[in-house]
C-alpha atoms as a PDB file:
ATOM      1  CA  MET A   1      34.509  23.269  22.675  1.00  0.00           C
ATOM      2  CA  PRO A   2      32.751  21.771  25.706  1.00  0.00           C
ATOM      3  CA  LYS A   3      34.144  18.586  27.132  1.00  0.00           C
ATOM      4  CA  TRP A   4      32.093  15.427  27.564  1.00  0.00           C
ATOM      5  CA  SER A   5      32.507  15.590  31.342  1.00  0.00           C
ATOM      6  CA  GLU A   6      30.847  19.033  31.346  1.00  0.00           C
ATOM      7  CA  PHE A   7      27.841  17.588  29.511  1.00  0.00           C
ATOM      8  CA  GLN A   8      27.584  14.724  31.979  1.00  0.00           C
ATOM      9  CA  ASP A   9      27.396  17.185  34.874  1.00  0.00           C
ATOM     10  CA  LEU A  10      24.335  18.933  33.456  1.00  0.00           C
ATOM     11  CA  HIS A  11      20.901  18.465  35.034  1.00  0.00           C
ATOM     12  CA  PHE A  12      18.736  15.763  33.429  1.00  0.00           C
ATOM     13  CA  ASN A  13      16.152  18.303  32.223  1.00  0.00           C
ATOM     14  CA  ILE A  14      18.852  20.277  30.408  1.00  0.00           C
ATOM     15  CA  LYS A  15      20.075  17.116  28.664  1.00  0.00           C
ATOM     16  CA  ILE A  16      16.518  16.312  27.562  1.00  0.00           C
ATOM     17  CA  SER A  17      16.024  19.888  26.331  1.00  0.00           C
ATOM     18  CA  LEU A  18      19.250  19.738  24.315  1.00  0.00           C
ATOM     19  CA  LEU A  19      18.263  16.390  22.820  1.00  0.00           C
ATOM     20  CA  PHE A  20      14.823  17.683  21.897  1.00  0.00           C
ATOM     21  CA  ALA A  21      16.295  20.867  20.383  1.00  0.00           C
ATOM     22  CA  PHE A  22      18.699  18.771  18.303  1.00  0.00           C
ATOM     23  CA  LEU A  23      15.984  16.400  17.077  1.00  0.00           C
ATOM     24  CA  ASP A  24      13.644  19.314  16.369  1.00  0.00           C
ATOM     25  CA  ALA A  25      16.334  21.065  14.329  1.00  0.00           C
ATOM     26  CA  VAL A  26      17.012  17.897  12.344  1.00  0.00           C
ATOM     27  CA  ALA A  27      13.309  17.309  11.699  1.00  0.00           C
ATOM     28  CA  SER A  28      12.710  20.946  10.748  1.00  0.00           C
ATOM     29  CA  GLY A  29      15.693  20.877   8.436  1.00  0.00           C
ATOM     30  CA  ILE A  30      14.434  17.764   6.704  1.00  0.00           C
ATOM     31  CA  TRP A  31      10.938  19.174   6.262  1.00  0.00           C
ATOM     32  CA  SER A  32      11.611  22.841   5.522  1.00  0.00           C
ATOM     33  CA  ALA A  33      14.516  22.193   3.170  1.00  0.00           C
ATOM     34  CA  SER A  34      12.205  20.097   0.982  1.00  0.00           C
ATOM     35  CA  THR A  35      14.420  17.093   1.566  1.00  0.00           C
ATOM     36  CA  LEU A  36      11.399  15.038   2.506  1.00  0.00           C
ATOM     37  CA  SER A  37       9.500  16.121  -0.599  1.00  0.00           C
ATOM     38  CA  ALA A  38      12.483  15.196  -2.769  1.00  0.00           C
ATOM     39  CA  TYR A  39      12.742  11.832  -1.014  1.00  0.00           C
ATOM     40  CA  ILE A  40       9.051  11.128  -1.566  1.00  0.00           C
ATOM     41  CA  PHE A  41       9.322  12.124  -5.219  1.00  0.00           C
ATOM     42  CA  GLN A  42      12.398   9.941  -5.725  1.00  0.00           C
ATOM     43  CA  SER A  43      10.626   7.022  -4.054  1.00  0.00           C
ATOM     44  CA  SER A  44       7.316   7.340  -5.905  1.00  0.00           C
ATOM     45  CA  HIS A  45       8.090   9.421  -9.044  1.00  0.00           C
ATOM     46  CA  SER A  46       4.765  11.124  -8.475  1.00  0.00           C
ATOM     47  CA  ASN A  47       4.292  14.877  -8.356  1.00  0.00           C
ATOM     48  CA  VAL A  48       0.662  14.277  -7.408  1.00  0.00           C
ATOM     49  CA  LEU A  49       1.677  12.395  -4.250  1.00  0.00           C
ATOM     50  CA  VAL A  50       4.123  15.138  -3.246  1.00  0.00           C
ATOM     51  CA  GLY A  51       1.465  17.796  -3.880  1.00  0.00           C
ATOM     52  CA  ASN A  52      -1.128  15.884  -1.875  1.00  0.00           C
ATOM     53  CA  LEU A  53       1.253  15.485   1.054  1.00  0.00           C
ATOM     54  CA  GLU A  54       2.164  19.184   0.970  1.00  0.00           C
ATOM     55  CA  ALA A  55      -1.548  20.057   0.870  1.00  0.00           C
ATOM     56  CA  ALA A  56      -2.212  17.717   3.805  1.00  0.00           C
ATOM     57  CA  GLU A  57       0.535  19.450   5.786  1.00  0.00           C
ATOM     58  CA  GLY A  58      -0.893  22.895   5.070  1.00  0.00           C
ATOM     59  CA  LEU A  59      -4.439  21.867   5.919  1.00  0.00           C
ATOM     60  CA  THR A  60      -3.294  20.196   9.128  1.00  0.00           C
ATOM     61  CA  GLN A  61      -1.537  23.381  10.212  1.00  0.00           C
ATOM     62  CA  LEU A  62      -4.525  25.517   9.242  1.00  0.00           C
ATOM     63  CA  ILE A  63      -6.997  23.360  11.156  1.00  0.00           C
ATOM     64  CA  SER A  64      -4.846  22.715  14.224  1.00  0.00           C
ATOM     65  CA  ALA A  65      -3.473  26.250  14.778  1.00  0.00           C
ATOM     66  CA  PRO A  66      -6.635  27.700  16.391  1.00  0.00           C
ATOM     67  CA  PHE A  67      -7.085  24.601  18.576  1.00  0.00           C
ATOM     68  CA  PHE A  68      -3.525  24.704  19.868  1.00  0.00           C
ATOM     69  CA  GLY A  69      -3.740  28.467  20.353  1.00  0.00           C
ATOM     70  CA  ILE A  70      -6.704  28.012  22.667  1.00  0.00           C
ATOM     71  CA  LEU A  71      -4.941  25.111  24.377  1.00  0.00           C
ATOM     72  CA  ALA A  72      -1.847  27.270  24.979  1.00  0.00           C
ATOM     73  CA  ASP A  73      -3.988  29.995  26.542  1.00  0.00           C
ATOM     74  CA  ASN A  74      -5.813  27.661  28.922  1.00  0.00           C
ATOM     75  CA  TRP A  75      -3.362  24.900  29.916  1.00  0.00           C
ATOM     76  CA  ASN A  76      -0.438  24.862  32.286  1.00  0.00           C
ATOM     77  CA  ARG A  77       2.854  25.585  30.500  1.00  0.00           C
ATOM     78  CA  GLN A  78       4.602  22.578  32.071  1.00  0.00           C
ATOM     79  CA  HIS A  79       1.940  20.179  30.786  1.00  0.00           C
ATOM     80  CA  LEU A  80       2.161  21.625  27.286  1.00  0.00           C
ATOM     81  CA  LEU A  81       5.951  21.329  27.232  1.00  0.00           C
ATOM     82  CA  LYS A  82       5.742  17.694  28.290  1.00  0.00           C
ATOM     83  CA  LEU A  83       3.083  17.028  25.660  1.00  0.00           C
ATOM     84  CA  ALA A  84       5.163  18.765  22.983  1.00  0.00           C
ATOM     85  CA  THR A  85       8.233  16.729  23.932  1.00  0.00           C
ATOM     86  CA  ILE A  86       6.349  13.454  23.729  1.00  0.00           C
ATOM     87  CA  HIS A  87       4.761  14.481  20.437  1.00  0.00           C
ATOM     88  CA  GLY A  88       8.125  15.480  18.992  1.00  0.00           C
ATOM     89  CA  LEU A  89       9.807  12.231  19.993  1.00  0.00           C
ATOM     90  CA  VAL A  90       6.951  10.130  18.624  1.00  0.00           C
ATOM     91  CA  THR A  91       7.006  12.111  15.373  1.00  0.00           C
ATOM     92  CA  VAL A  92      10.757  11.705  14.938  1.00  0.00           C
ATOM     93  CA  ALA A  93      10.523   8.000  15.733  1.00  0.00           C
ATOM     94  CA  GLY A  94       7.716   7.593  13.203  1.00  0.00           C
ATOM     95  CA  TRP A  95       9.627   9.368  10.442  1.00  0.00           C
ATOM     96  CA  MET A  96      12.773   7.369  11.206  1.00  0.00           C
ATOM     97  CA  TYR A  97      10.711   4.184  10.912  1.00  0.00           C
ATOM     98  CA  VAL A  98       9.210   5.274   7.588  1.00  0.00           C
ATOM     99  CA  ILE A  99      12.529   6.396   6.137  1.00  0.00           C
ATOM    100  CA  PHE A 100      14.603   3.406   7.211  1.00  0.00           C
ATOM    101  CA  ARG A 101      11.892   0.854   6.458  1.00  0.00           C
ATOM    102  CA  SER A 102      11.941   1.611   2.747  1.00  0.00           C
END
């Protein structure tokens, strides 16, 4: 197992990448394991709300996939990675706010 001192010696960008990978894995696990859907159902007792949110997710992916595909083809990779990192952190912060607020 790595020691804490080895982690401290890593370059800043590697630390940020590890943090983002961890947060992304946590967020993906919450969403893909239907934990979020179960939480929403337990909070609202509404299958309709869960269905609407799942439909909104699917439609968002369907609509945004072509746009982000074109963006990935035409933009600089470094800019896209920075944008994805900011988006991921804002998304995680938003979900943490929603979950812990209730």
